[in-house]
Amino acid sequence: LGGTKFQGNESEELVKAIAPKLEATAGPTVKFVTGGMAGVQEAFAKNCGDGSRVWNLLPLGQSSGFGRGTDINAGADLEERKAIFGL
């Protein structure tokens, strides 16, 4: 769901505008999964409704610090997280 840096001048505002609209129009059973990274993922999580449908997948022992969503720990590092995501 995006990198740690915004690429264009309006990119951050675009993510902040899209997140609540996506959350509002997606069915109530839809969950949004981030990698718990700063930048695009953090902006999305912080603007996706009340955050109750956001799940931040992080390596064991880490937290996103987003203050929104539920942090889930799985995998020891980035490579194991990629395997969990199927990348």
N, C-alpha and C. Protein backbone atom coordinates (compact mmCIF):
# COMPACT_ATOMS: atom_id res chain seq x y z
N LEU A 1 0.84 -1.20 0.00
CA LEU A 1 0.00 0.00 0.00
C LEU A 1 0.86 1.24 0.00
N GLY A 2 1.87 1.35 -0.73
CA GLY A 2 2.62 2.60 -0.83
C GLY A 2 3.91 2.61 -0.05
N GLY A 3 4.75 3.55 -0.43
CA GLY A 3 6.08 3.64 0.14
C GLY A 3 6.19 4.54 1.35
N THR A 4 7.41 4.73 1.79
CA THR A 4 7.67 5.55 2.98
C THR A 4 7.76 7.03 2.65
N LYS A 5 7.79 7.36 1.36
CA LYS A 5 7.86 8.77 0.95
C LYS A 5 6.80 9.04 -0.11
N PHE A 6 6.25 10.23 -0.05
CA PHE A 6 5.29 10.65 -1.06
C PHE A 6 6.06 11.15 -2.27
N GLN A 7 5.61 10.77 -3.46
CA GLN A 7 6.35 11.09 -4.68
C GLN A 7 6.00 12.44 -5.29
N GLY A 8 4.78 12.89 -5.15
CA GLY A 8 4.37 14.16 -5.74
C GLY A 8 3.92 15.13 -4.67
N ASN A 9 3.82 16.41 -5.05
CA ASN A 9 3.43 17.44 -4.10
C ASN A 9 2.05 17.21 -3.52
N GLU A 10 1.14 16.67 -4.32
CA GLU A 10 -0.23 16.47 -3.86
C GLU A 10 -0.50 15.04 -3.39
N SER A 11 0.48 14.18 -3.41
CA SER A 11 0.27 12.77 -3.08
C SER A 11 -0.27 12.56 -1.68
N GLU A 12 0.28 13.24 -0.71
CA GLU A 12 -0.19 13.04 0.67
C GLU A 12 -1.65 13.46 0.82
N GLU A 13 -2.00 14.60 0.26
CA GLU A 13 -3.39 15.06 0.34
C GLU A 13 -4.32 14.11 -0.40
N LEU A 14 -3.85 13.53 -1.49
CA LEU A 14 -4.65 12.57 -2.24
C LEU A 14 -4.95 11.33 -1.39
N VAL A 15 -3.93 10.80 -0.72
CA VAL A 15 -4.12 9.63 0.15
C VAL A 15 -5.09 9.97 1.27
N LYS A 16 -4.92 11.15 1.86
CA LYS A 16 -5.81 11.57 2.95
C LYS A 16 -7.25 11.73 2.48
N ALA A 17 -7.45 12.10 1.24
CA ALA A 17 -8.80 12.26 0.69
C ALA A 17 -9.42 10.92 0.29
N ILE A 18 -8.60 10.02 -0.24
CA ILE A 18 -9.10 8.73 -0.71
C ILE A 18 -9.44 7.79 0.44
N ALA A 19 -8.63 7.77 1.49
CA ALA A 19 -8.81 6.81 2.59
C ALA A 19 -10.22 6.83 3.18
N PRO A 20 -10.76 7.97 3.57
CA PRO A 20 -12.11 7.94 4.16
C PRO A 20 -13.19 7.56 3.15
N LYS A 21 -13.01 7.93 1.90
CA LYS A 21 -13.99 7.58 0.87
C LYS A 21 -13.98 6.07 0.61
N LEU A 22 -12.80 5.48 0.56
CA LEU A 22 -12.68 4.04 0.36
C LEU A 22 -13.30 3.29 1.55
N GLU A 23 -13.01 3.75 2.73
CA GLU A 23 -13.55 3.12 3.94
C GLU A 23 -15.07 3.21 3.95
N ALA A 24 -15.61 4.34 3.54
CA ALA A 24 -17.06 4.55 3.57
C ALA A 24 -17.80 3.75 2.50
N THR A 25 -17.14 3.49 1.37
CA THR A 25 -17.83 2.80 0.27
C THR A 25 -17.56 1.30 0.23
N ALA A 26 -16.51 0.84 0.86
CA ALA A 26 -16.22 -0.60 0.89
C ALA A 26 -17.22 -1.27 1.83
N GLY A 27 -17.54 -2.51 1.55
CA GLY A 27 -18.47 -3.24 2.41
C GLY A 27 -17.98 -3.31 3.85
N PRO A 28 -18.90 -3.53 4.79
CA PRO A 28 -18.55 -3.50 6.21
C PRO A 28 -17.61 -4.63 6.65
N THR A 29 -17.46 -5.66 5.83
CA THR A 29 -16.56 -6.75 6.21
C THR A 29 -15.15 -6.57 5.67
N VAL A 30 -14.94 -5.54 4.85
CA VAL A 30 -13.63 -5.28 4.25
C VAL A 30 -12.66 -4.76 5.31
N LYS A 31 -11.45 -5.30 5.30
CA LYS A 31 -10.37 -4.83 6.18
C LYS A 31 -9.25 -4.30 5.30
N PHE A 32 -8.50 -3.35 5.81
CA PHE A 32 -7.39 -2.74 5.09
C PHE A 32 -6.10 -3.12 5.80
N VAL A 33 -5.14 -3.67 5.07
CA VAL A 33 -3.90 -4.15 5.66
C VAL A 33 -2.75 -3.27 5.18
N THR A 34 -1.98 -2.75 6.14
CA THR A 34 -0.77 -2.00 5.82
C THR A 34 0.43 -2.78 6.34
N GLY A 35 1.61 -2.33 5.99
CA GLY A 35 2.84 -2.91 6.52
C GLY A 35 3.33 -2.15 7.73
N GLY A 36 2.51 -1.19 8.23
CA GLY A 36 2.88 -0.44 9.42
C GLY A 36 4.02 0.54 9.21
N MET A 37 4.23 0.96 7.95
CA MET A 37 5.34 1.85 7.63
C MET A 37 4.90 3.31 7.58
N ALA A 38 5.84 4.20 7.87
CA ALA A 38 5.58 5.64 7.80
C ALA A 38 5.30 6.03 6.35
N GLY A 39 4.79 7.22 6.15
CA GLY A 39 4.55 7.71 4.79
C GLY A 39 3.14 7.41 4.35
N VAL A 40 3.00 6.80 3.18
CA VAL A 40 1.69 6.53 2.57
C VAL A 40 0.84 5.65 3.48
N GLN A 41 1.41 4.59 4.03
CA GLN A 41 0.64 3.67 4.85
C GLN A 41 0.12 4.35 6.12
N GLU A 42 0.95 5.14 6.74
CA GLU A 42 0.54 5.85 7.95
C GLU A 42 -0.57 6.86 7.65
N ALA A 43 -0.41 7.60 6.56
CA ALA A 43 -1.43 8.59 6.18
C ALA A 43 -2.75 7.89 5.89
N PHE A 44 -2.71 6.75 5.20
CA PHE A 44 -3.92 6.00 4.92
C PHE A 44 -4.58 5.55 6.21
N ALA A 45 -3.82 4.91 7.09
CA ALA A 45 -4.37 4.38 8.34
C ALA A 45 -4.99 5.48 9.20
N LYS A 46 -4.33 6.60 9.29
CA LYS A 46 -4.81 7.69 10.13
C LYS A 46 -6.05 8.38 9.57
N ASN A 47 -6.34 8.15 8.31
CA ASN A 47 -7.49 8.81 7.67
C ASN A 47 -8.56 7.82 7.21
N CYS A 48 -8.42 6.57 7.59
CA CYS A 48 -9.37 5.53 7.19
C CYS A 48 -10.41 5.34 8.30
N GLY A 49 -11.39 6.22 8.31
CA GLY A 49 -12.44 6.14 9.32
C GLY A 49 -11.88 6.19 10.72
N ASP A 50 -12.46 5.39 11.60
CA ASP A 50 -11.99 5.37 12.99
C ASP A 50 -10.82 4.41 13.19
N GLY A 51 -10.38 3.76 12.12
CA GLY A 51 -9.24 2.85 12.18
C GLY A 51 -9.60 1.43 12.58
N SER A 52 -10.86 1.17 12.87
CA SER A 52 -11.24 -0.15 13.35
C SER A 52 -11.13 -1.23 12.27
N ARG A 53 -11.03 -0.82 11.02
CA ARG A 53 -10.92 -1.79 9.93
C ARG A 53 -9.51 -1.86 9.36
N VAL A 54 -8.56 -1.20 10.02
CA VAL A 54 -7.16 -1.17 9.57
C VAL A 54 -6.34 -2.15 10.41
N TRP A 55 -5.57 -2.98 9.72
CA TRP A 55 -4.67 -3.94 10.37
C TRP A 55 -3.26 -3.64 9.87
N ASN A 56 -2.34 -3.39 10.78
CA ASN A 56 -0.95 -3.07 10.46
C ASN A 56 -0.08 -4.29 10.75
N LEU A 57 0.43 -4.92 9.71
CA LEU A 57 1.24 -6.13 9.85
C LEU A 57 2.70 -5.75 10.00
N LEU A 58 3.27 -6.08 11.15
CA LEU A 58 4.63 -5.69 11.49
C LEU A 58 5.45 -6.88 11.95
N PRO A 59 6.79 -6.76 11.85
CA PRO A 59 7.64 -7.83 12.39
C PRO A 59 7.44 -7.98 13.90
N LEU A 60 7.76 -9.15 14.38
CA LEU A 60 7.63 -9.44 15.82
C LEU A 60 8.32 -8.37 16.66
N GLY A 61 7.63 -7.91 17.69
CA GLY A 61 8.20 -6.95 18.62
C GLY A 61 8.11 -5.50 18.20
N GLN A 62 7.55 -5.21 17.03
CA GLN A 62 7.45 -3.83 16.56
C GLN A 62 6.02 -3.33 16.61
N SER A 63 5.86 -2.01 16.67
CA SER A 63 4.53 -1.41 16.62
C SER A 63 4.56 -0.26 15.61
N SER A 64 3.41 0.05 15.06
CA SER A 64 3.35 1.11 14.04
C SER A 64 3.45 2.49 14.66
N GLY A 65 2.88 2.67 15.83
CA GLY A 65 2.85 3.99 16.44
C GLY A 65 1.83 4.91 15.78
N PHE A 66 0.96 4.36 14.93
CA PHE A 66 -0.01 5.17 14.20
C PHE A 66 -1.11 5.72 15.11
N GLY A 67 -1.43 4.99 16.16
CA GLY A 67 -2.55 5.41 17.00
C GLY A 67 -3.88 5.09 16.34
N ARG A 68 -3.85 4.37 15.24
CA ARG A 68 -5.05 3.93 14.52
C ARG A 68 -4.83 2.52 14.03
N GLY A 69 -5.88 1.74 14.04
CA GLY A 69 -5.78 0.38 13.55
C GLY A 69 -5.26 -0.57 14.61
N THR A 70 -5.18 -1.82 14.22
CA THR A 70 -4.69 -2.87 15.10
C THR A 70 -3.36 -3.37 14.58
N ASP A 71 -2.34 -3.31 15.41
CA ASP A 71 -1.03 -3.84 15.03
C ASP A 71 -1.04 -5.36 15.21
N ILE A 72 -0.57 -6.05 14.19
CA ILE A 72 -0.45 -7.50 14.23
C ILE A 72 1.00 -7.84 13.96
N ASN A 73 1.57 -8.66 14.81
CA ASN A 73 2.97 -9.04 14.64
C ASN A 73 3.07 -10.42 14.02
N ALA A 74 3.84 -10.49 12.94
CA ALA A 74 4.08 -11.76 12.25
C ALA A 74 5.36 -11.65 11.46
N GLY A 75 6.18 -12.66 11.54
CA GLY A 75 7.45 -12.65 10.82
C GLY A 75 8.51 -11.91 11.60
N ALA A 76 9.74 -12.33 11.41
CA ALA A 76 10.86 -11.74 12.14
C ALA A 76 11.42 -10.49 11.48
N ASP A 77 11.20 -10.36 10.16
CA ASP A 77 11.80 -9.25 9.43
C ASP A 77 11.01 -8.98 8.15
N LEU A 78 11.51 -8.06 7.34
CA LEU A 78 10.83 -7.68 6.11
C LEU A 78 10.65 -8.86 5.17
N GLU A 79 11.65 -9.70 5.03
CA GLU A 79 11.56 -10.84 4.12
C GLU A 79 10.46 -11.81 4.55
N GLU A 80 10.34 -12.06 5.83
CA GLU A 80 9.28 -12.96 6.30
C GLU A 80 7.90 -12.30 6.12
N ARG A 81 7.82 -10.99 6.30
CA ARG A 81 6.54 -10.30 6.09
C ARG A 81 6.15 -10.37 4.62
N LYS A 82 7.12 -10.24 3.73
CA LYS A 82 6.83 -10.36 2.29
C LYS A 82 6.26 -11.74 1.99
N ALA A 83 6.82 -12.75 2.60
CA ALA A 83 6.32 -14.11 2.39
C ALA A 83 4.89 -14.24 2.90
N ILE A 84 4.59 -13.61 4.03
CA ILE A 84 3.23 -13.64 4.57
C ILE A 84 2.26 -12.96 3.62
N PHE A 85 2.68 -11.84 3.04
CA PHE A 85 1.85 -11.12 2.07
C PHE A 85 1.79 -11.86 0.73
N GLY A 86 2.66 -12.84 0.55
CA GLY A 86 2.68 -13.56 -0.72
C GLY A 86 3.45 -12.85 -1.81
N LEU A 87 4.39 -12.00 -1.42
CA LEU A 87 5.18 -11.25 -2.41
C LEU A 87 6.46 -11.98 -2.77
